[in-house]
Structure formats: structure tokens, C-alpha cells
Amino acid sequence: VGLYNIGNTCYLNSSIQCLSHTPILRDYFTSKAYLNDINTTNPLGQQGRLAQVCAVLINELWKRASQSQSNSSLAMGPPKRATPTGPGSNSPINAPSLTPKSFKDAIGKFNDHFAGNEQHDAQELLAFLLSGLSEDLNRIVDKPYIEAPDSDGRPDKELADIWWSNHLKREMSIIVALFTGQYKSLLTCRSCKYESARFEPFAFLQLPLPEDDQVPVQLVYYALDESIGPTRYVVRVRHDGTLHDVLMSLSRVLHADMTMTAEDNSNNNGPEVGASQTTEGSSSVPTENDNDPEQEEDAASSSSGGENGGGFDGIGEKEKKILDRMAKNMAVVRMKESYIFNIVPNHWALAKMQNRETGELDILHIYE
């Protein structure tokens, strides 16, 4: 069942649900198996109290879920086929949500960092819960001192097994079994180049999120062929790119359009009159009113441009020359009302085209 937010407790509710919906851990608590593992003498734990409050809450969550499903089945009469109930069921649950106030108060007593009503990071609470539960449920009463083993030229698998065996001599709980892995690190001596590997246990592995260094650029393209009206495209280039990068990205899209159109013509003996021509990632359809922005065609492209921004690594030298030639035959212009105000140098940084008031990139106008 759900958990009520009792004031900035999203971090707490999400952490509880993560643990509660880990099947083996859930069954461990609901079956009372945890009672056999509670360690009341471990000075690093909470003398089993953290495990108890977690067990009470998880049991209540799944008890209400089972009761709700049983009542729902009785109200609808005998089901046509068996409906799963209890832990592990994927059936809809209409049970009322729980208020985890007692759990919240207990956590605040165990760790005053979570005592108030401030917002916290769910990963911080999960780290505290997993560490505390591991100590409360640790089957090892007296932890022996064990020195870290040397590599001694052993294969990684053998060395990793030794590290893991040593870890289990000090930490043995369901938390270790479910949530602990090994992280290999290699230490190299600068003088003799001797390498020593370590396989240390970890419960959390923090990874950086890749940053998108590219930005979408909206533009309107005006072809020399007057029968083709202004066409709108969106290309992606590096945020620190130049207008030349934009032209290269647009050239790649236009080249793909022309290549596909030529293939269609050879297969179909020419396109039907009035038929629109669409390519993957872009579209180009004639419009009757070249000056009406409402009639401009929209075309999107996922092409990533820029000689220094990636996106052109997979093309051959011949195609690269074609794109260079196409880009040289284009010009970025500034528009003032309905006429061209001036031509912008291609070497200009893209940042120069930002709107001074909003900081956003204005729509670029590109003429062939």
C-alpha cells in the first residue's frame, strides 16, 4: 500500500518502498525470519531496534495489502480464476495508505540528522538504513581483525574470493547478501611499477550523469529554388560551437534529403506531382506563401553538428567535402522585419546569436 507524506517525507517514503518491494528482503521480514538474526550486542548497530521498526512497518504494509485484496475478492464473489494475494501480487490494491509517523520518529532518534521536518536525499537515508540493518542483523558477534591480502600474482577471481571470504568473517547478514558487491582498484608503484589489486566491498556505487554538451538550434532555410518555400529545421551543435557548425549540420540533413529523393526517383521513375518528400529526421514540403511564418514547414533533425562537436566522425572524406561545399554556399543572415539586415560571419560563436534580453538563441535564418 501507499505511504502518506507527513511533511517533506518523500525521501523516506521512496526509501521504504524500495526496501519493501525487494522480494527476498520483504519475505525475510514478513516471515519473521529476521528474529533469528537480531544482534543486540553489536556496538555499531541499534541493538536490533532498527530492524524491529523496519519489520513492523513492512509487515503492516503487506498485511493491509492482503486484507484489501481478500475483501475485494469477497465483494465481487468467487473469481473465475485464482487471483494472487499477499506479497508478490501484481493485482491492483485499494487499501488506504499508511502514515509512517512512528517509523519517522524512530529514525530521528537513531540519527538526529533525520529528526526534523527538513527535506533530505533518499540515497542518504537508504545508506543509513542499509548500514544500520546490516549491523542489527549481523550474525557475526565478535569481528576478528583481518589484514588485507596482497595480490602475490594471484588471478583476479582467486583474489576476489579471498577478499569476499574475509569480509564474510566480519559481516554476514541478509543486507550483505543482497546489496553488497566488490569494487576492484589497482594500485601501481611509480618506482618499481608493482601492481597490487584490491577487491573492497561496496553497497553504493555513485556514477556521474553524462552532461549533454549540445544544444538544439532552430533555423529557417531558404533555398535558391523559389518553388520551395522557407523550411524550418532543428539541428544540434555544441554549445560552444560556431555558425559554421550549424551550417555543417544543416548540410548533412539537406544532403540526406537529396540522397533519399534521388533514390526514390530511381525506384519510382520520379515523384508524383504534389507529393510531399519526407526523410528520416527531416521533412521538406513546398509552401505557397514564402513570407508567412505561419506557413513555414517544420522539420526536425537529430543531426549533431560541428567539426569539434562530434556527429561527423562516421562519414567518409568524400561526403565531408560535399558537406563543406554545401556549407560554403550558405549564409546566416540577420532579418529586420521582412528584409535581410546583414550577413553574419560563419566563424562567429553561436553564443553571439543569443537574445540579449532572454539569453535564448534566436531562430537563425539561412539562405542558400
Protein backbone atom coordinates (compact mmCIF):
# COMPACT_ATOMS: atom_id res chain seq x y z
CA VAL A 1 0.00 0.00 0.00
CA GLY A 2 0.98 3.62 -0.20
CA LEU A 3 2.50 5.92 2.40
CA TYR A 4 1.22 9.37 3.27
CA ASN A 5 3.58 12.31 3.02
CA ILE A 6 3.65 13.77 6.53
CA GLY A 7 5.73 16.79 5.59
CA ASN A 8 8.80 16.62 3.36
CA THR A 9 8.96 12.82 3.74
CA CYS A 10 9.14 11.90 0.05
CA TYR A 11 12.73 10.75 0.62
CA LEU A 12 11.60 8.48 3.46
CA ASN A 13 8.58 7.03 1.65
CA SER A 14 10.53 6.23 -1.51
CA SER A 15 13.28 4.54 0.51
CA ILE A 16 10.78 2.40 2.41
CA GLN A 17 9.04 1.34 -0.79
CA CYS A 18 12.37 0.36 -2.36
CA LEU A 19 13.16 -1.94 0.56
CA SER A 20 9.59 -3.20 0.88
CA HIS A 21 9.46 -4.20 -2.79
CA THR A 22 12.71 -6.17 -2.67
CA PRO A 23 11.08 -9.65 -2.63
CA ILE A 24 13.69 -11.57 -0.62
CA LEU A 25 14.02 -8.82 1.99
CA ARG A 26 10.24 -8.41 2.21
CA ASP A 27 9.73 -12.15 2.78
CA TYR A 28 12.56 -12.14 5.32
CA PHE A 29 10.64 -9.64 7.45
CA THR A 30 7.07 -10.86 6.85
CA SER A 31 8.03 -14.47 7.69
CA LYS A 32 9.65 -13.35 10.97
CA ALA A 33 12.93 -14.98 9.88
CA TYR A 34 14.75 -11.82 10.93
CA LEU A 35 14.12 -12.66 14.59
CA ASN A 36 16.77 -15.38 14.38
CA ASP A 37 19.43 -12.88 13.28
CA ILE A 38 18.90 -9.87 15.54
CA ASN A 39 22.20 -8.82 17.10
CA THR A 40 21.60 -6.97 20.36
CA THR A 41 25.27 -6.69 21.37
CA ASN A 42 26.77 -5.06 18.29
CA PRO A 43 28.04 -1.61 19.39
CA LEU A 44 27.91 -0.40 15.78
CA GLY A 45 24.18 -1.11 15.47
CA GLN A 46 20.98 -0.08 17.23
CA GLN A 47 20.76 -3.27 19.32
CA GLY A 48 18.15 -4.64 16.95
CA ARG A 49 15.70 -1.73 17.32
CA LEU A 50 16.15 -0.51 13.74
CA ALA A 51 15.43 -3.99 12.41
CA GLN A 52 12.32 -4.17 14.60
CA VAL A 53 10.79 -0.89 13.41
CA CYS A 54 11.51 -1.79 9.77
CA ALA A 55 9.90 -5.19 10.26
CA VAL A 56 6.79 -3.68 11.86
CA LEU A 57 6.29 -1.21 9.02
CA ILE A 58 6.93 -3.70 6.20
CA ASN A 59 4.61 -6.24 7.82
CA GLU A 60 1.87 -3.63 8.15
CA LEU A 61 2.26 -2.60 4.51
CA TRP A 62 1.80 -6.13 3.21
CA LYS A 63 -0.80 -7.09 5.83
CA ARG A 64 -3.08 -4.30 4.62
CA ALA A 65 -2.42 -5.24 1.02
CA SER A 66 -3.50 -8.84 1.68
CA GLN A 67 -6.58 -7.78 3.66
CA SER A 68 -7.64 -5.33 0.95
CA GLN A 69 -7.37 -7.94 -1.78
CA SER A 70 -9.27 -10.52 0.30
CA ASN A 71 -12.11 -8.07 0.96
CA SER A 72 -12.21 -7.10 -2.71
CA SER A 73 -12.49 -10.75 -3.76
CA LEU A 74 -15.37 -11.38 -1.31
CA ALA A 75 -17.27 -8.33 -2.52
CA MET A 76 -17.09 -9.43 -6.16
CA GLY A 77 -17.98 -13.07 -5.46
CA PRO A 78 -15.98 -16.13 -6.41
CA PRO A 79 -13.42 -15.26 -9.08
CA LYS A 80 -13.39 -17.17 -12.33
CA ARG A 81 -9.75 -17.99 -11.82
CA ALA A 82 -7.34 -17.73 -8.92
CA THR A 83 -6.23 -14.22 -8.06
CA PRO A 84 -2.84 -13.87 -6.31
CA THR A 85 -2.88 -12.09 -2.98
CA GLY A 86 -0.27 -11.07 -0.47
CA PRO A 87 3.40 -10.37 -1.10
CA GLY A 88 4.43 -10.68 -4.71
CA SER A 89 0.98 -9.95 -6.11
CA ASN A 90 0.66 -7.53 -9.01
CA SER A 91 -3.09 -7.08 -8.57
CA PRO A 92 -4.46 -3.56 -8.00
CA ILE A 93 -4.63 -2.58 -4.33
CA ASN A 94 -7.31 -0.27 -2.95
CA ALA A 95 -6.15 -0.33 0.67
CA PRO A 96 -5.81 3.01 2.47
CA SER A 97 -2.31 4.42 2.73
CA LEU A 98 -0.29 4.23 5.92
CA THR A 99 1.15 7.12 7.89
CA PRO A 100 4.76 6.23 8.78
CA LYS A 101 4.91 8.59 11.78
CA SER A 102 6.20 6.02 14.28
CA PHE A 103 8.89 4.95 11.84
CA LYS A 104 9.86 8.56 11.16
CA ASP A 105 10.11 9.31 14.90
CA ALA A 106 12.23 6.21 15.50
CA ILE A 107 14.62 7.07 12.66
CA GLY A 108 15.00 10.57 14.12
CA LYS A 109 16.03 9.06 17.46
CA PHE A 110 18.55 6.73 15.83
CA ASN A 111 20.03 9.55 13.75
CA ASP A 112 19.28 13.17 14.65
CA HIS A 113 20.11 14.18 11.07
CA PHE A 114 16.64 12.90 10.15
CA ALA A 115 14.89 14.18 13.29
CA GLY A 116 13.36 17.35 11.87
CA ASN A 117 10.99 18.03 9.01
CA GLU A 118 13.59 19.18 6.52
CA GLN A 119 13.97 17.64 3.10
CA HIS A 120 16.68 15.02 2.70
CA ASP A 121 18.21 12.92 -0.03
CA ALA A 122 16.73 9.41 -0.34
CA GLN A 123 20.17 7.94 -1.00
CA GLU A 124 21.41 9.31 2.33
CA LEU A 125 18.57 7.62 4.19
CA LEU A 126 18.99 4.37 2.26
CA ALA A 127 22.69 4.34 3.14
CA PHE A 128 21.84 4.79 6.82
CA LEU A 129 19.11 2.12 6.75
CA LEU A 130 21.20 -0.48 4.94
CA SER A 131 24.23 0.12 7.14
CA GLY A 132 22.14 0.04 10.31
CA LEU A 133 20.17 -3.04 9.28
CA SER A 134 23.37 -4.84 8.36
CA GLU A 135 24.75 -4.22 11.85
CA ASP A 136 21.46 -5.08 13.60
CA LEU A 137 21.19 -8.35 11.64
CA ASN A 138 24.87 -9.25 11.59
CA ARG A 139 25.35 -12.90 12.57
CA ILE A 140 28.98 -12.23 13.50
CA VAL A 141 29.11 -11.35 17.19
CA ASP A 142 32.87 -10.89 17.55
CA LYS A 143 34.52 -9.36 14.49
CA PRO A 144 38.09 -10.62 14.03
CA TYR A 145 40.89 -8.38 12.79
CA ILE A 146 41.91 -9.41 9.27
CA GLU A 147 44.70 -7.83 7.26
CA ALA A 148 44.05 -7.01 3.62
CA PRO A 149 45.58 -9.74 1.46
CA ASP A 150 48.35 -8.98 -1.03
CA SER A 151 47.93 -9.76 -4.69
CA ASP A 152 51.02 -12.00 -4.92
CA GLY A 153 50.35 -12.54 -8.61
CA ARG A 154 47.04 -14.31 -7.96
CA PRO A 155 44.33 -14.31 -10.66
CA ASP A 156 41.57 -11.77 -10.10
CA LYS A 157 38.92 -14.40 -9.35
CA GLU A 158 41.03 -16.09 -6.70
CA LEU A 159 41.95 -12.79 -5.09
CA ALA A 160 38.35 -11.57 -5.18
CA ASP A 161 37.20 -14.76 -3.44
CA ILE A 162 39.76 -14.23 -0.68
CA TRP A 163 38.60 -10.65 -0.12
CA TRP A 164 34.95 -11.76 -0.05
CA SER A 165 35.66 -14.63 2.34
CA ASN A 166 37.46 -12.24 4.69
CA HIS A 167 34.54 -9.81 4.51
CA LEU A 168 32.05 -12.53 5.47
CA LYS A 169 34.14 -13.30 8.56
CA ARG A 170 33.21 -9.82 9.82
CA GLU A 171 29.94 -9.01 8.07
CA MET A 172 27.31 -11.68 7.46
CA SER A 173 23.72 -10.54 7.07
CA ILE A 174 20.91 -10.56 4.54
CA ILE A 175 21.86 -6.97 3.70
CA VAL A 176 25.36 -8.08 2.73
CA ALA A 177 23.94 -10.94 0.68
CA LEU A 178 21.51 -8.72 -1.23
CA PHE A 179 23.15 -5.32 -1.50
CA THR A 180 26.93 -5.71 -1.32
CA GLY A 181 29.32 -6.05 -4.23
CA GLN A 182 33.06 -5.82 -4.80
CA TYR A 183 34.93 -2.96 -6.39
CA LYS A 184 38.33 -3.64 -7.92
CA SER A 185 41.01 -0.98 -7.59
CA LEU A 186 44.57 -1.22 -8.82
CA LEU A 187 47.47 0.46 -7.02
CA THR A 188 50.68 0.86 -9.05
CA CYS A 189 54.05 1.82 -7.55
CA ARG A 190 55.59 4.71 -9.50
CA SER A 191 59.13 3.46 -8.91
CA CYS A 192 59.04 -0.29 -9.48
CA LYS A 193 55.68 -0.46 -11.30
CA TYR A 194 54.49 -3.22 -8.95
CA GLU A 195 50.70 -3.57 -9.09
CA SER A 196 48.51 -4.51 -6.14
CA ALA A 197 44.81 -5.21 -6.66
CA ARG A 198 42.11 -4.76 -4.03
CA PHE A 199 38.52 -6.03 -4.11
CA GLU A 200 36.83 -3.94 -1.46
CA PRO A 201 33.11 -4.36 -0.69
CA PHE A 202 30.65 -1.60 -1.50
CA ALA A 203 26.92 -1.05 -1.07
CA PHE A 204 26.60 2.08 -3.19
CA LEU A 205 28.33 2.95 -6.44
CA GLN A 206 27.87 6.57 -7.43
CA LEU A 207 28.16 7.27 -11.14
CA PRO A 208 28.22 10.73 -12.76
CA LEU A 209 25.44 11.53 -15.18
CA PRO A 210 26.77 12.41 -18.63
CA GLU A 211 26.26 16.05 -19.49
CA ASP A 212 24.74 16.95 -22.82
CA ASP A 213 27.18 19.44 -24.30
CA GLN A 214 24.97 20.05 -27.33
CA VAL A 215 22.09 22.47 -27.76
CA PRO A 216 19.20 22.49 -30.24
CA VAL A 217 19.31 25.28 -32.81
CA GLN A 218 16.13 26.30 -34.61
CA LEU A 219 16.57 27.70 -38.08
CA VAL A 220 14.71 28.58 -41.25
CA TYR A 221 16.32 27.58 -44.54
CA TYR A 222 15.67 29.49 -47.77
CA ALA A 223 16.61 27.50 -50.88
CA LEU A 224 17.58 29.07 -54.23
CA ASP A 225 14.73 27.15 -55.83
CA GLU A 226 11.84 29.57 -55.47
CA SER A 227 9.34 26.74 -55.75
CA ILE A 228 10.49 25.55 -52.31
CA GLY A 229 9.27 27.78 -49.55
CA PRO A 230 11.08 28.53 -46.30
CA THR A 231 11.63 25.30 -44.36
CA ARG A 232 12.21 25.08 -40.64
CA TYR A 233 14.77 22.67 -39.18
CA VAL A 234 16.20 21.87 -35.77
CA VAL A 235 19.83 20.75 -35.59
CA ARG A 236 22.09 20.07 -32.61
CA VAL A 237 25.57 21.51 -32.19
CA ARG A 238 27.98 22.00 -29.30
CA HIS A 239 27.05 24.85 -27.01
CA ASP A 240 30.48 26.38 -27.66
CA GLY A 241 30.24 25.82 -31.42
CA THR A 242 30.19 28.31 -34.27
CA LEU A 243 27.76 29.21 -37.03
CA HIS A 244 29.90 27.10 -39.37
CA ASP A 245 29.00 24.10 -37.21
CA VAL A 246 25.32 24.92 -37.70
CA LEU A 247 25.80 25.11 -41.48
CA MET A 248 27.61 21.77 -41.49
CA SER A 249 24.79 20.12 -39.56
CA LEU A 250 22.19 21.59 -41.89
CA SER A 251 24.24 20.49 -44.91
CA ARG A 252 24.20 16.94 -43.64
CA VAL A 253 20.41 16.99 -43.30
CA LEU A 254 19.92 18.51 -46.75
CA HIS A 255 22.37 16.04 -48.28
CA ALA A 256 20.42 13.17 -46.73
CA ASP A 257 17.21 14.66 -48.17
CA MET A 258 18.69 14.86 -51.65
CA THR A 259 20.16 11.36 -51.48
CA MET A 260 16.87 9.82 -50.42
CA THR A 261 14.92 11.81 -53.01
CA ALA A 262 17.28 10.61 -55.74
CA GLU A 263 16.81 7.02 -54.62
CA ASP A 264 13.04 7.42 -54.61
CA ASN A 265 13.13 8.89 -58.11
CA SER A 266 15.18 5.99 -59.44
CA ASN A 267 12.82 3.47 -57.85
CA ASN A 268 9.56 5.16 -58.77
CA ASN A 269 10.54 6.88 -62.04
CA GLY A 270 10.03 10.27 -60.44
CA PRO A 271 7.83 11.53 -57.61
CA GLU A 272 4.12 12.11 -58.01
CA VAL A 273 3.08 15.69 -58.67
CA GLY A 274 2.25 17.47 -55.42
CA ALA A 275 3.55 14.63 -53.24
CA SER A 276 5.49 15.64 -50.15
CA GLN A 277 9.01 14.31 -49.74
CA THR A 278 9.98 13.19 -46.26
CA THR A 279 13.27 11.90 -44.98
CA GLU A 280 14.17 10.41 -41.67
CA GLY A 281 14.86 13.22 -39.24
CA SER A 282 13.64 16.00 -41.52
CA SER A 283 10.83 16.99 -43.86
CA SER A 284 10.60 19.46 -46.69
CA VAL A 285 7.24 20.38 -48.19
CA PRO A 286 6.65 23.32 -50.56
CA THR A 287 4.58 26.18 -49.21
CA GLU A 288 2.61 28.73 -51.20
CA ASN A 289 3.40 31.74 -49.03
CA ASP A 290 7.15 32.27 -48.62
CA ASN A 291 6.76 35.30 -46.37
CA ASP A 292 4.13 33.96 -43.97
CA PRO A 293 5.89 32.45 -40.95
CA GLU A 294 2.72 30.56 -40.08
CA GLN A 295 3.09 28.65 -43.34
CA GLU A 296 6.71 27.70 -42.76
CA GLU A 297 7.25 23.99 -42.69
CA ASP A 298 8.61 22.38 -39.56
CA ALA A 299 11.40 19.85 -39.89
CA ALA A 300 13.35 18.21 -37.11
CA SER A 301 16.77 16.67 -37.25
CA SER A 302 18.76 14.77 -34.68
CA SER A 303 21.98 15.51 -36.55
CA SER A 304 24.78 16.62 -34.28
CA GLY A 305 27.00 19.10 -35.99
CA GLY A 306 30.33 20.69 -35.61
CA GLU A 307 33.79 19.66 -36.59
CA ASN A 308 34.70 19.88 -32.93
CA GLY A 309 31.37 18.71 -31.65
CA GLY A 310 31.12 15.16 -32.93
CA GLY A 311 28.48 13.96 -35.34
CA PHE A 312 30.73 13.81 -38.43
CA ASP A 313 33.06 11.03 -37.34
CA GLY A 314 31.13 8.34 -39.21
CA ILE A 315 31.22 9.93 -42.67
CA GLY A 316 33.78 9.46 -45.42
CA GLU A 317 36.16 12.05 -46.79
CA LYS A 318 34.16 12.34 -50.00
CA GLU A 319 30.94 13.15 -48.17
CA LYS A 320 32.80 15.55 -45.89
CA LYS A 321 33.95 17.53 -48.94
CA ILE A 322 30.38 17.64 -50.22
CA LEU A 323 29.13 18.98 -46.90
CA ASP A 324 31.92 21.57 -46.79
CA ARG A 325 30.98 22.76 -50.26
CA MET A 326 27.30 22.96 -49.35
CA ALA A 327 28.10 24.91 -46.15
CA LYS A 328 30.21 27.42 -48.11
CA ASN A 329 27.21 28.10 -50.34
CA MET A 330 25.08 29.17 -47.38
CA ALA A 331 24.94 32.33 -45.33
CA VAL A 332 23.46 33.14 -41.95
CA VAL A 333 21.65 36.47 -42.09
CA ARG A 334 20.01 38.82 -39.65
CA MET A 335 16.44 39.69 -40.55
CA LYS A 336 14.82 43.02 -39.84
CA GLU A 337 11.08 42.90 -40.39
CA SER A 338 10.74 41.33 -43.87
CA TYR A 339 14.18 42.03 -45.35
CA ILE A 340 17.79 40.96 -44.85
CA PHE A 341 19.58 43.33 -42.48
CA ASN A 342 23.12 41.92 -42.77
CA ILE A 343 25.17 38.76 -43.30
CA VAL A 344 26.74 37.18 -40.23
CA PRO A 345 30.31 35.75 -40.46
CA ASN A 346 30.36 31.96 -40.26
CA HIS A 347 33.20 31.96 -37.74
CA TRP A 348 31.06 33.72 -35.14
CA ALA A 349 30.45 31.82 -31.93
CA LEU A 350 26.92 30.54 -31.55
CA ALA A 351 26.67 32.45 -28.28
CA LYS A 352 26.74 35.73 -30.22
CA MET A 353 23.33 34.87 -31.65
CA GLN A 354 21.69 34.76 -28.23
CA ASN A 355 18.92 37.19 -27.46
CA ARG A 356 20.32 39.87 -25.15
CA GLU A 357 17.14 40.05 -23.08
CA THR A 358 16.25 36.36 -22.70
CA GLY A 359 19.62 34.70 -23.25
CA GLU A 360 17.94 32.22 -25.59
CA LEU A 361 19.08 31.51 -29.14
CA ASP A 362 17.02 33.33 -31.71
CA ILE A 363 15.79 31.43 -34.75
CA LEU A 364 18.54 31.55 -37.36
CA HIS A 365 17.76 32.47 -40.96
CA ILE A 366 19.98 30.72 -43.50
CA TYR A 367 20.00 31.46 -47.23
CA GLU A 368 21.45 29.28 -49.93
